[in-house]
Amino acid sequence: MQTGVLIFDTDYSISIQELAVELEQRGFESLFVPEHTHIPASRESAWPGGDELPREYSHTLDPFVSLSFAAAVTQKLRLGTGICLLPQRDTLVTAKLVASLDHQSNGRFVFGIGGGWNKEEMAQHGMDYGSRFAKLEEQVTAMKGLWKQEEFGFEGNHVQFTPSCQYPKPWQTPHPPILLGGETDYTLKRIVRYCDGWLPRARQGFDAAQNLSRLRKIAEDYGRDFNSLTVSVFGARPDAQVLNEYQASGITRAILPLPSADRDTVLPILDRYTTLIETLK
């Protein structure tokens, strides 16, 4: 099992360059960063994590900019969005960003995506909440075509462009792994249809064996090879018993949370995590 971390990269947290170097030196496999373009001040959507939305949600740097800086100072560290709010983004621009970052990092990008929960944020991007997953599926299909083919066009309900050429192609073949966030059976069905892996949150705990069985059953129902799918637990609890259970069950990657804080707060946590993951080897 691989071990990574996640952090809301903000204007007040440890610099992403320093963090990336420290992670690589300690043997962590990956670094994931979330995305929010903005948080409307008048908010009605309930945050899935509780009553009060944490400060970092409105302070995040753009994930592709952050990960580019992390890529520039590392050689092996994998770099992931966790998650990219794809329905809020332009399809062609995002396809270019993904391919460019993957190309420049020599194939180290992991494309974590999701539909999002903040209706107000979505609406200000011109995106209808109820249509977000229909658009996301079209976007993934369209981007795969751009990445794999010399000339590709797409005509959907939400995404349309005439046959076009877009370079660079991603370094990874046929494209970076696409991981979808969420925990419902609807999520799992989407994953087995058009993604490469699952990015479930561990906010309320995550029973690895039970959830892998869910994914296996749905993969079998759709004729998808279960072994072709990865599972990366987002926000995994830094507990040896939990992580050992994940590893024994076949979880691909545990992604441990870091606070959006300065280096004096973050680096001692990394030290504790490093000691913890040594017990898993």
C-alpha atoms as a PDB file:
ATOM      1  CA  MET A   1       0.000   0.000   0.000  1.00  0.00           C
ATOM      2  CA  GLN A   2       1.269   3.450  -0.911  1.00  0.00           C
ATOM      3  CA  THR A   3       1.011   6.376   1.504  1.00  0.00           C
ATOM      4  CA  GLY A   4       0.404   9.990   0.566  1.00  0.00           C
ATOM      5  CA  VAL A   5      -0.832  13.171   2.180  1.00  0.00           C
ATOM      6  CA  LEU A   6      -3.425  15.808   1.443  1.00  0.00           C
ATOM      7  CA  ILE A   7      -3.376  19.479   2.299  1.00  0.00           C
ATOM      8  CA  PHE A   8      -5.437  22.523   1.443  1.00  0.00           C
ATOM      9  CA  ASP A   9      -2.614  24.560  -0.068  1.00  0.00           C
ATOM     10  CA  THR A  10      -3.346  28.110   1.045  1.00  0.00           C
ATOM     11  CA  ASP A  11      -1.756  31.535   1.226  1.00  0.00           C
ATOM     12  CA  TYR A  12      -0.914  30.945   4.907  1.00  0.00           C
ATOM     13  CA  SER A  13       0.222  27.300   5.007  1.00  0.00           C
ATOM     14  CA  ILE A  14       3.678  25.780   4.553  1.00  0.00           C
ATOM     15  CA  SER A  15       4.980  26.420   1.049  1.00  0.00           C
ATOM     16  CA  ILE A  16       4.061  23.625  -1.313  1.00  0.00           C
ATOM     17  CA  GLN A  17       7.667  23.445  -2.555  1.00  0.00           C
ATOM     18  CA  GLU A  18       9.071  22.827   0.929  1.00  0.00           C
ATOM     19  CA  LEU A  19       6.331  20.345   1.718  1.00  0.00           C
ATOM     20  CA  ALA A  20       6.903  18.419  -1.517  1.00  0.00           C
ATOM     21  CA  VAL A  21      10.638  18.120  -0.863  1.00  0.00           C
ATOM     22  CA  GLU A  22      10.059  16.969   2.714  1.00  0.00           C
ATOM     23  CA  LEU A  23       7.552  14.368   1.533  1.00  0.00           C
ATOM     24  CA  GLU A  24       9.868  12.948  -1.092  1.00  0.00           C
ATOM     25  CA  GLN A  25      12.803  12.793   1.312  1.00  0.00           C
ATOM     26  CA  ARG A  26      10.661  10.900   3.827  1.00  0.00           C
ATOM     27  CA  GLY A  27       9.480   8.368   1.250  1.00  0.00           C
ATOM     28  CA  PHE A  28       5.861   9.426   0.837  1.00  0.00           C
ATOM     29  CA  GLU A  29       4.378   8.384  -2.487  1.00  0.00           C
ATOM     30  CA  SER A  30       2.016  11.267  -3.232  1.00  0.00           C
ATOM     31  CA  LEU A  31       0.694  14.734  -2.487  1.00  0.00           C
ATOM     32  CA  PHE A  32      -2.960  15.656  -3.081  1.00  0.00           C
ATOM     33  CA  VAL A  33      -4.532  19.124  -3.006  1.00  0.00           C
ATOM     34  CA  PRO A  34      -8.227  20.102  -3.130  1.00  0.00           C
ATOM     35  CA  GLU A  35      -9.875  22.840  -5.178  1.00  0.00           C
ATOM     36  CA  HIS A  36     -12.320  25.690  -4.653  1.00  0.00           C
ATOM     37  CA  THR A  37     -12.264  28.731  -6.897  1.00  0.00           C
ATOM     38  CA  HIS A  38     -14.158  30.779  -4.305  1.00  0.00           C
ATOM     39  CA  ILE A  39     -16.752  30.434  -1.565  1.00  0.00           C
ATOM     40  CA  PRO A  40     -19.813  32.657  -2.018  1.00  0.00           C
ATOM     41  CA  ALA A  41     -20.316  34.690   1.140  1.00  0.00           C
ATOM     42  CA  SER A  42     -24.025  33.927   1.138  1.00  0.00           C
ATOM     43  CA  ARG A  43     -24.010  30.149   1.394  1.00  0.00           C
ATOM     44  CA  GLU A  44     -26.943  27.757   1.674  1.00  0.00           C
ATOM     45  CA  SER A  45     -25.293  24.450   0.781  1.00  0.00           C
ATOM     46  CA  ALA A  46     -24.487  22.291   3.785  1.00  0.00           C
ATOM     47  CA  TRP A  47     -20.830  21.344   4.100  1.00  0.00           C
ATOM     48  CA  PRO A  48     -20.581  17.519   4.310  1.00  0.00           C
ATOM     49  CA  GLY A  49     -17.984  17.796   7.080  1.00  0.00           C
ATOM     50  CA  GLY A  50     -20.117  19.626   9.638  1.00  0.00           C
ATOM     51  CA  ASP A  51     -21.772  22.917  10.504  1.00  0.00           C
ATOM     52  CA  GLU A  52     -18.974  25.448  10.075  1.00  0.00           C
ATOM     53  CA  LEU A  53     -16.960  25.630   6.872  1.00  0.00           C
ATOM     54  CA  PRO A  54     -13.230  25.780   7.689  1.00  0.00           C
ATOM     55  CA  ARG A  55     -11.228  28.849   6.725  1.00  0.00           C
ATOM     56  CA  GLU A  56      -9.026  27.013   4.216  1.00  0.00           C
ATOM     57  CA  TYR A  57     -11.902  26.428   1.803  1.00  0.00           C
ATOM     58  CA  SER A  58     -11.849  30.065   0.725  1.00  0.00           C
ATOM     59  CA  HIS A  59      -8.033  30.328   0.740  1.00  0.00           C
ATOM     60  CA  THR A  60      -6.986  27.511  -1.590  1.00  0.00           C
ATOM     61  CA  LEU A  61      -4.487  28.114  -4.351  1.00  0.00           C
ATOM     62  CA  ASP A  62      -5.302  26.775  -7.795  1.00  0.00           C
ATOM     63  CA  PRO A  63      -4.404  23.051  -7.678  1.00  0.00           C
ATOM     64  CA  PHE A  64      -2.637  22.950 -11.042  1.00  0.00           C
ATOM     65  CA  VAL A  65      -0.444  25.906 -10.086  1.00  0.00           C
ATOM     66  CA  SER A  66       0.356  24.362  -6.689  1.00  0.00           C
ATOM     67  CA  LEU A  67       1.188  20.964  -8.135  1.00  0.00           C
ATOM     68  CA  SER A  68       3.361  22.506 -10.835  1.00  0.00           C
ATOM     69  CA  PHE A  69       5.521  24.119  -8.152  1.00  0.00           C
ATOM     70  CA  ALA A  70       5.653  20.789  -6.291  1.00  0.00           C
ATOM     71  CA  ALA A  71       6.608  18.949  -9.481  1.00  0.00           C
ATOM     72  CA  ALA A  72       9.469  21.350 -10.178  1.00  0.00           C
ATOM     73  CA  VAL A  73      11.313  20.505  -6.943  1.00  0.00           C
ATOM     74  CA  THR A  74      10.763  16.723  -6.876  1.00  0.00           C
ATOM     75  CA  GLN A  75      11.609  13.683  -8.975  1.00  0.00           C
ATOM     76  CA  LYS A  76       9.391  10.814  -7.801  1.00  0.00           C
ATOM     77  CA  LEU A  77       6.509  12.280  -5.802  1.00  0.00           C
ATOM     78  CA  ARG A  78       3.114  11.677  -7.415  1.00  0.00           C
ATOM     79  CA  LEU A  79       0.934  14.785  -7.659  1.00  0.00           C
ATOM     80  CA  GLY A  80      -2.837  14.595  -7.401  1.00  0.00           C
ATOM     81  CA  THR A  81      -5.955  16.705  -7.367  1.00  0.00           C
ATOM     82  CA  GLY A  82      -8.194  15.698  -4.527  1.00  0.00           C
ATOM     83  CA  ILE A  83     -10.528  16.702  -5.915  1.00  0.00           C
ATOM     84  CA  CYS A  84     -10.685  18.778  -9.088  1.00  0.00           C
ATOM     85  CA  LEU A  85     -14.218  20.187  -9.373  1.00  0.00           C
ATOM     86  CA  LEU A  86     -14.437  19.221 -13.001  1.00  0.00           C
ATOM     87  CA  PRO A  87     -18.016  20.328 -13.822  1.00  0.00           C
ATOM     88  CA  GLN A  88     -17.063  23.895 -12.860  1.00  0.00           C
ATOM     89  CA  ARG A  89     -14.170  23.900 -15.309  1.00  0.00           C
ATOM     90  CA  ASP A  90     -13.813  24.402 -19.038  1.00  0.00           C
ATOM     91  CA  THR A  91     -13.202  21.023 -20.640  1.00  0.00           C
ATOM     92  CA  LEU A  92     -10.604  22.039 -23.219  1.00  0.00           C
ATOM     93  CA  VAL A  93      -8.611  24.181 -20.801  1.00  0.00           C
ATOM     94  CA  THR A  94      -8.602  21.436 -18.166  1.00  0.00           C
ATOM     95  CA  ALA A  95      -7.553  18.779 -20.689  1.00  0.00           C
ATOM     96  CA  LYS A  96      -4.608  20.998 -21.607  1.00  0.00           C
ATOM     97  CA  LEU A  97      -3.679  21.561 -17.946  1.00  0.00           C
ATOM     98  CA  VAL A  98      -3.770  17.851 -17.128  1.00  0.00           C
ATOM     99  CA  ALA A  99      -1.680  16.890 -20.139  1.00  0.00           C
ATOM    100  CA  SER A 100       0.808  19.717 -19.564  1.00  0.00           C
ATOM    101  CA  LEU A 101       1.359  18.890 -15.892  1.00  0.00           C
ATOM    102  CA  ASP A 102       1.668  15.186 -16.620  1.00  0.00           C
ATOM    103  CA  HIS A 103       4.114  15.884 -19.438  1.00  0.00           C
ATOM    104  CA  GLN A 104       6.249  18.295 -17.430  1.00  0.00           C
ATOM    105  CA  SER A 105       6.373  15.982 -14.404  1.00  0.00           C
ATOM    106  CA  ASN A 106       7.339  12.920 -16.485  1.00  0.00           C
ATOM    107  CA  GLY A 107       4.081  11.133 -15.778  1.00  0.00           C
ATOM    108  CA  ARG A 108       3.504  11.818 -12.087  1.00  0.00           C
ATOM    109  CA  PHE A 109       0.005  13.326 -12.189  1.00  0.00           C
ATOM    110  CA  VAL A 110      -3.093  11.663 -10.673  1.00  0.00           C
ATOM    111  CA  PHE A 111      -6.397  13.187 -11.775  1.00  0.00           C
ATOM    112  CA  GLY A 112      -8.792  13.050  -8.829  1.00  0.00           C
ATOM    113  CA  ILE A 113     -12.192  14.457  -9.797  1.00  0.00           C
ATOM    114  CA  GLY A 114     -15.640  14.955  -8.322  1.00  0.00           C
ATOM    115  CA  GLY A 115     -18.974  16.629  -8.821  1.00  0.00           C
ATOM    116  CA  GLY A 116     -18.792  19.000  -5.855  1.00  0.00           C
ATOM    117  CA  TRP A 117     -21.256  19.912  -3.120  1.00  0.00           C
ATOM    118  CA  ASN A 118     -21.429  23.727  -3.083  1.00  0.00           C
ATOM    119  CA  LYS A 119     -24.440  24.711  -5.208  1.00  0.00           C
ATOM    120  CA  GLU A 120     -23.698  28.433  -4.952  1.00  0.00           C
ATOM    121  CA  GLU A 121     -20.105  28.064  -6.117  1.00  0.00           C
ATOM    122  CA  MET A 122     -21.276  25.869  -8.989  1.00  0.00           C
ATOM    123  CA  ALA A 123     -24.028  28.263 -10.053  1.00  0.00           C
ATOM    124  CA  GLN A 124     -21.556  31.125 -10.352  1.00  0.00           C
ATOM    125  CA  HIS A 125     -19.667  29.000 -12.875  1.00  0.00           C
ATOM    126  CA  GLY A 126     -22.907  28.557 -14.831  1.00  0.00           C
ATOM    127  CA  MET A 127     -23.256  24.933 -13.719  1.00  0.00           C
ATOM    128  CA  ASP A 128     -26.568  23.392 -12.685  1.00  0.00           C
ATOM    129  CA  TYR A 129     -26.143  21.194  -9.609  1.00  0.00           C
ATOM    130  CA  GLY A 130     -28.474  18.490 -10.845  1.00  0.00           C
ATOM    131  CA  SER A 131     -26.580  18.118 -14.128  1.00  0.00           C
ATOM    132  CA  ARG A 132     -23.079  18.036 -12.702  1.00  0.00           C
ATOM    133  CA  PHE A 133     -22.436  14.302 -13.114  1.00  0.00           C
ATOM    134  CA  ALA A 134     -23.917  14.187 -16.600  1.00  0.00           C
ATOM    135  CA  LYS A 135     -21.487  16.933 -17.575  1.00  0.00           C
ATOM    136  CA  LEU A 136     -18.592  15.266 -15.734  1.00  0.00           C
ATOM    137  CA  GLU A 137     -19.057  12.035 -17.694  1.00  0.00           C
ATOM    138  CA  GLU A 138     -19.061  13.921 -20.982  1.00  0.00           C
ATOM    139  CA  GLN A 139     -15.955  15.841 -19.916  1.00  0.00           C
ATOM    140  CA  VAL A 140     -14.049  12.666 -19.049  1.00  0.00           C
ATOM    141  CA  THR A 141     -15.039  11.049 -22.338  1.00  0.00           C
ATOM    142  CA  ALA A 142     -14.082  14.145 -24.309  1.00  0.00           C
ATOM    143  CA  MET A 143     -10.740  14.584 -22.562  1.00  0.00           C
ATOM    144  CA  LYS A 144      -9.809  10.947 -23.121  1.00  0.00           C
ATOM    145  CA  GLY A 145     -10.423  11.470 -26.819  1.00  0.00           C
ATOM    146  CA  LEU A 146      -8.238  14.564 -26.926  1.00  0.00           C
ATOM    147  CA  TRP A 147      -5.443  12.812 -25.050  1.00  0.00           C
ATOM    148  CA  LYS A 148      -5.463   9.629 -27.114  1.00  0.00           C
ATOM    149  CA  GLN A 149      -6.245  10.806 -30.646  1.00  0.00           C
ATOM    150  CA  GLU A 150      -4.466  13.160 -33.006  1.00  0.00           C
ATOM    151  CA  GLU A 151      -7.759  14.763 -34.015  1.00  0.00           C
ATOM    152  CA  PHE A 152     -10.907  14.520 -31.950  1.00  0.00           C
ATOM    153  CA  GLY A 153     -14.286  16.227 -31.707  1.00  0.00           C
ATOM    154  CA  PHE A 154     -17.189  15.800 -29.310  1.00  0.00           C
ATOM    155  CA  GLU A 155     -20.891  16.611 -29.480  1.00  0.00           C
ATOM    156  CA  GLY A 156     -22.725  16.131 -26.190  1.00  0.00           C
ATOM    157  CA  ASN A 157     -25.431  17.880 -24.208  1.00  0.00           C
ATOM    158  CA  HIS A 158     -22.888  19.736 -22.068  1.00  0.00           C
ATOM    159  CA  VAL A 159     -19.618  19.544 -24.015  1.00  0.00           C
ATOM    160  CA  GLN A 160     -19.213  20.356 -27.696  1.00  0.00           C
ATOM    161  CA  PHE A 161     -16.211  21.074 -29.889  1.00  0.00           C
ATOM    162  CA  THR A 162     -15.346  20.347 -33.493  1.00  0.00           C
ATOM    163  CA  PRO A 163     -12.549  17.909 -34.444  1.00  0.00           C
ATOM    164  CA  SER A 164      -9.407  19.440 -32.987  1.00  0.00           C
ATOM    165  CA  CYS A 165      -5.743  18.751 -32.269  1.00  0.00           C
ATOM    166  CA  GLN A 166      -4.417  19.275 -28.762  1.00  0.00           C
ATOM    167  CA  TYR A 167      -0.848  18.778 -27.599  1.00  0.00           C
ATOM    168  CA  PRO A 168       1.109  17.891 -25.581  1.00  0.00           C
ATOM    169  CA  LYS A 169      -0.332  14.452 -25.001  1.00  0.00           C
ATOM    170  CA  PRO A 170      -0.023  13.172 -21.425  1.00  0.00           C
ATOM    171  CA  TRP A 171       3.218  11.425 -20.537  1.00  0.00           C
ATOM    172  CA  GLN A 172       1.291   8.470 -19.109  1.00  0.00           C
ATOM    173  CA  THR A 173      -0.369   6.138 -21.596  1.00  0.00           C
ATOM    174  CA  PRO A 174      -3.193   6.397 -22.408  1.00  0.00           C
ATOM    175  CA  HIS A 175      -3.640   9.182 -19.825  1.00  0.00           C
ATOM    176  CA  PRO A 176      -3.125   9.898 -16.101  1.00  0.00           C
ATOM    177  CA  PRO A 177      -5.229   7.718 -13.783  1.00  0.00           C
ATOM    178  CA  ILE A 178      -8.683   9.206 -13.239  1.00  0.00           C
ATOM    179  CA  LEU A 179     -10.016   8.731  -9.704  1.00  0.00           C
ATOM    180  CA  LEU A 180     -13.580   9.665  -8.770  1.00  0.00           C
ATOM    181  CA  GLY A 181     -14.523  10.873  -5.304  1.00  0.00           C
ATOM    182  CA  GLY A 182     -17.725   9.939  -3.483  1.00  0.00           C
ATOM    183  CA  GLU A 183     -19.124   7.049  -1.488  1.00  0.00           C
ATOM    184  CA  THR A 184     -22.502   6.078  -2.979  1.00  0.00           C
ATOM    185  CA  ASP A 185     -23.326   3.147  -5.232  1.00  0.00           C
ATOM    186  CA  TYR A 186     -23.927   5.728  -7.973  1.00  0.00           C
ATOM    187  CA  THR A 187     -20.289   6.764  -7.558  1.00  0.00           C
ATOM    188  CA  LEU A 188     -19.087   3.188  -7.857  1.00  0.00           C
ATOM    189  CA  LYS A 189     -21.127   2.645 -11.016  1.00  0.00           C
ATOM    190  CA  ARG A 190     -19.577   5.754 -12.557  1.00  0.00           C
ATOM    191  CA  ILE A 191     -16.109   4.541 -11.618  1.00  0.00           C
ATOM    192  CA  VAL A 192     -16.459   1.153 -13.260  1.00  0.00           C
ATOM    193  CA  ARG A 193     -17.928   2.762 -16.389  1.00  0.00           C
ATOM    194  CA  TYR A 194     -15.357   5.452 -17.102  1.00  0.00           C
ATOM    195  CA  CYS A 195     -12.713   5.910 -14.379  1.00  0.00           C
ATOM    196  CA  ASP A 196      -9.574   4.130 -13.181  1.00  0.00           C
ATOM    197  CA  GLY A 197     -10.056   4.256  -9.444  1.00  0.00           C
ATOM    198  CA  TRP A 198     -12.063   5.265  -6.400  1.00  0.00           C
ATOM    199  CA  LEU A 199     -11.231   8.177  -4.070  1.00  0.00           C
ATOM    200  CA  PRO A 200     -13.544   7.693  -1.045  1.00  0.00           C
ATOM    201  CA  ARG A 201     -13.387   9.923   1.999  1.00  0.00           C
ATOM    202  CA  ALA A 202     -12.653   8.433   5.404  1.00  0.00           C
ATOM    203  CA  ARG A 203     -14.415  11.237   7.252  1.00  0.00           C
ATOM    204  CA  GLN A 204     -16.845   8.880   9.037  1.00  0.00           C
ATOM    205  CA  GLY A 205     -14.530   5.891   8.960  1.00  0.00           C
ATOM    206  CA  PHE A 206     -14.019   3.491   6.082  1.00  0.00           C
ATOM    207  CA  ASP A 207     -14.549  -0.258   6.350  1.00  0.00           C
ATOM    208  CA  ALA A 208     -12.038  -1.418   3.761  1.00  0.00           C
ATOM    209  CA  ALA A 209     -13.193  -5.004   3.355  1.00  0.00           C
ATOM    210  CA  GLN A 210     -16.861  -4.077   3.122  1.00  0.00           C
ATOM    211  CA  ASN A 211     -16.314  -1.293   0.632  1.00  0.00           C
ATOM    212  CA  LEU A 212     -13.959  -3.281  -1.570  1.00  0.00           C
ATOM    213  CA  SER A 213     -16.659  -5.960  -1.731  1.00  0.00           C
ATOM    214  CA  ARG A 214     -19.148  -3.295  -2.863  1.00  0.00           C
ATOM    215  CA  LEU A 215     -16.811  -2.160  -5.604  1.00  0.00           C
ATOM    216  CA  ARG A 216     -16.037  -5.729  -6.697  1.00  0.00           C
ATOM    217  CA  LYS A 217     -19.754  -6.582  -6.985  1.00  0.00           C
ATOM    218  CA  ILE A 218     -20.522  -3.513  -9.093  1.00  0.00           C
ATOM    219  CA  ALA A 219     -17.473  -4.099 -11.281  1.00  0.00           C
ATOM    220  CA  GLU A 220     -18.650  -7.645 -11.918  1.00  0.00           C
ATOM    221  CA  ASP A 221     -22.157  -6.396 -12.739  1.00  0.00           C
ATOM    222  CA  TYR A 222     -20.703  -4.092 -15.399  1.00  0.00           C
ATOM    223  CA  GLY A 223     -18.161  -6.565 -16.740  1.00  0.00           C
ATOM    224  CA  ARG A 224     -15.194  -4.525 -15.504  1.00  0.00           C
ATOM    225  CA  ASP A 225     -12.060  -6.207 -14.192  1.00  0.00           C
ATOM    226  CA  PHE A 226     -11.970  -5.360 -10.487  1.00  0.00           C
ATOM    227  CA  ASN A 227      -8.185  -5.665 -10.473  1.00  0.00           C
ATOM    228  CA  SER A 228      -7.925  -2.820 -12.989  1.00  0.00           C
ATOM    229  CA  LEU A 229      -9.311  -0.400 -10.378  1.00  0.00           C
ATOM    230  CA  THR A 230      -7.441   1.339  -7.565  1.00  0.00           C
ATOM    231  CA  VAL A 231      -8.787   2.556  -4.215  1.00  0.00           C
ATOM    232  CA  SER A 232      -7.197   5.589  -2.533  1.00  0.00           C
ATOM    233  CA  VAL A 233      -8.700   6.442   0.856  1.00  0.00           C
ATOM    234  CA  PHE A 234      -8.816  10.230   1.210  1.00  0.00           C
ATOM    235  CA  GLY A 235      -8.223  11.585   4.703  1.00  0.00           C
ATOM    236  CA  ALA A 236      -7.240   8.191   6.128  1.00  0.00           C
ATOM    237  CA  ARG A 237      -6.966   8.092   9.902  1.00  0.00           C
ATOM    238  CA  PRO A 238      -3.281   8.020  10.968  1.00  0.00           C
ATOM    239  CA  ASP A 239      -3.704   4.948  13.119  1.00  0.00           C
ATOM    240  CA  ALA A 240      -1.550   1.832  12.774  1.00  0.00           C
ATOM    241  CA  GLN A 241      -4.430  -0.598  13.249  1.00  0.00           C
ATOM    242  CA  VAL A 242      -6.569   1.170  10.633  1.00  0.00           C
ATOM    243  CA  LEU A 243      -3.750   1.390   8.118  1.00  0.00           C
ATOM    244  CA  ASN A 244      -2.784  -2.238   8.623  1.00  0.00           C
ATOM    245  CA  GLU A 245      -6.406  -3.204   7.959  1.00  0.00           C
ATOM    246  CA  TYR A 246      -6.344  -1.141   4.776  1.00  0.00           C
ATOM    247  CA  GLN A 247      -3.159  -2.807   3.658  1.00  0.00           C
ATOM    248  CA  ALA A 248      -4.419  -6.306   4.432  1.00  0.00           C
ATOM    249  CA  SER A 249      -7.667  -5.629   2.560  1.00  0.00           C
ATOM    250  CA  GLY A 250      -5.921  -4.475  -0.596  1.00  0.00           C
ATOM    251  CA  ILE A 251      -6.325  -0.684  -0.444  1.00  0.00           C
ATOM    252  CA  THR A 252      -4.018   0.880  -3.023  1.00  0.00           C
ATOM    253  CA  ARG A 253      -3.215   4.144  -1.264  1.00  0.00           C
ATOM    254  CA  ALA A 254      -3.862   5.769   2.120  1.00  0.00           C
ATOM    255  CA  ILE A 255      -3.880   9.579   1.977  1.00  0.00           C
ATOM    256  CA  LEU A 256      -3.231  11.115   5.393  1.00  0.00           C
ATOM    257  CA  PRO A 257      -4.514  14.615   6.242  1.00  0.00           C
ATOM    258  CA  LEU A 258      -2.312  17.602   7.014  1.00  0.00           C
ATOM    259  CA  PRO A 259      -3.618  20.883   8.450  1.00  0.00           C
ATOM    260  CA  SER A 260      -3.358  24.116   6.486  1.00  0.00           C
ATOM    261  CA  ALA A 261      -0.721  25.478   8.808  1.00  0.00           C
ATOM    262  CA  ASP A 262       2.851  26.745   8.880  1.00  0.00           C
ATOM    263  CA  ARG A 263       5.972  24.598   8.699  1.00  0.00           C
ATOM    264  CA  ASP A 264       6.434  24.533  12.481  1.00  0.00           C
ATOM    265  CA  THR A 265       3.071  22.801  12.785  1.00  0.00           C
ATOM    266  CA  VAL A 266       3.190  20.592   9.696  1.00  0.00           C
ATOM    267  CA  LEU A 267       6.711  19.165   9.821  1.00  0.00           C
ATOM    268  CA  PRO A 268       6.371  17.526  13.273  1.00  0.00           C
ATOM    269  CA  ILE A 269       3.161  15.871  12.025  1.00  0.00           C
ATOM    270  CA  LEU A 270       5.101  14.579   9.016  1.00  0.00           C
ATOM    271  CA  ASP A 271       7.701  13.165  11.388  1.00  0.00           C
ATOM    272  CA  ARG A 272       4.979  11.253  13.248  1.00  0.00           C
ATOM    273  CA  TYR A 273       3.479  10.020   9.984  1.00  0.00           C
ATOM    274  CA  THR A 274       6.903   8.862   8.811  1.00  0.00           C
ATOM    275  CA  THR A 275       7.342   6.768  11.947  1.00  0.00           C
ATOM    276  CA  LEU A 276       3.837   5.394  11.477  1.00  0.00           C
ATOM    277  CA  ILE A 277       4.273   4.279   7.883  1.00  0.00           C
ATOM    278  CA  GLU A 278       7.564   2.597   8.730  1.00  0.00           C
ATOM    279  CA  THR A 279       5.523   0.119  10.776  1.00  0.00           C
ATOM    280  CA  LEU A 280       3.562  -0.849   7.636  1.00  0.00           C
ATOM    281  CA  LYS A 281       6.593  -1.997   5.640  1.00  0.00           C
END
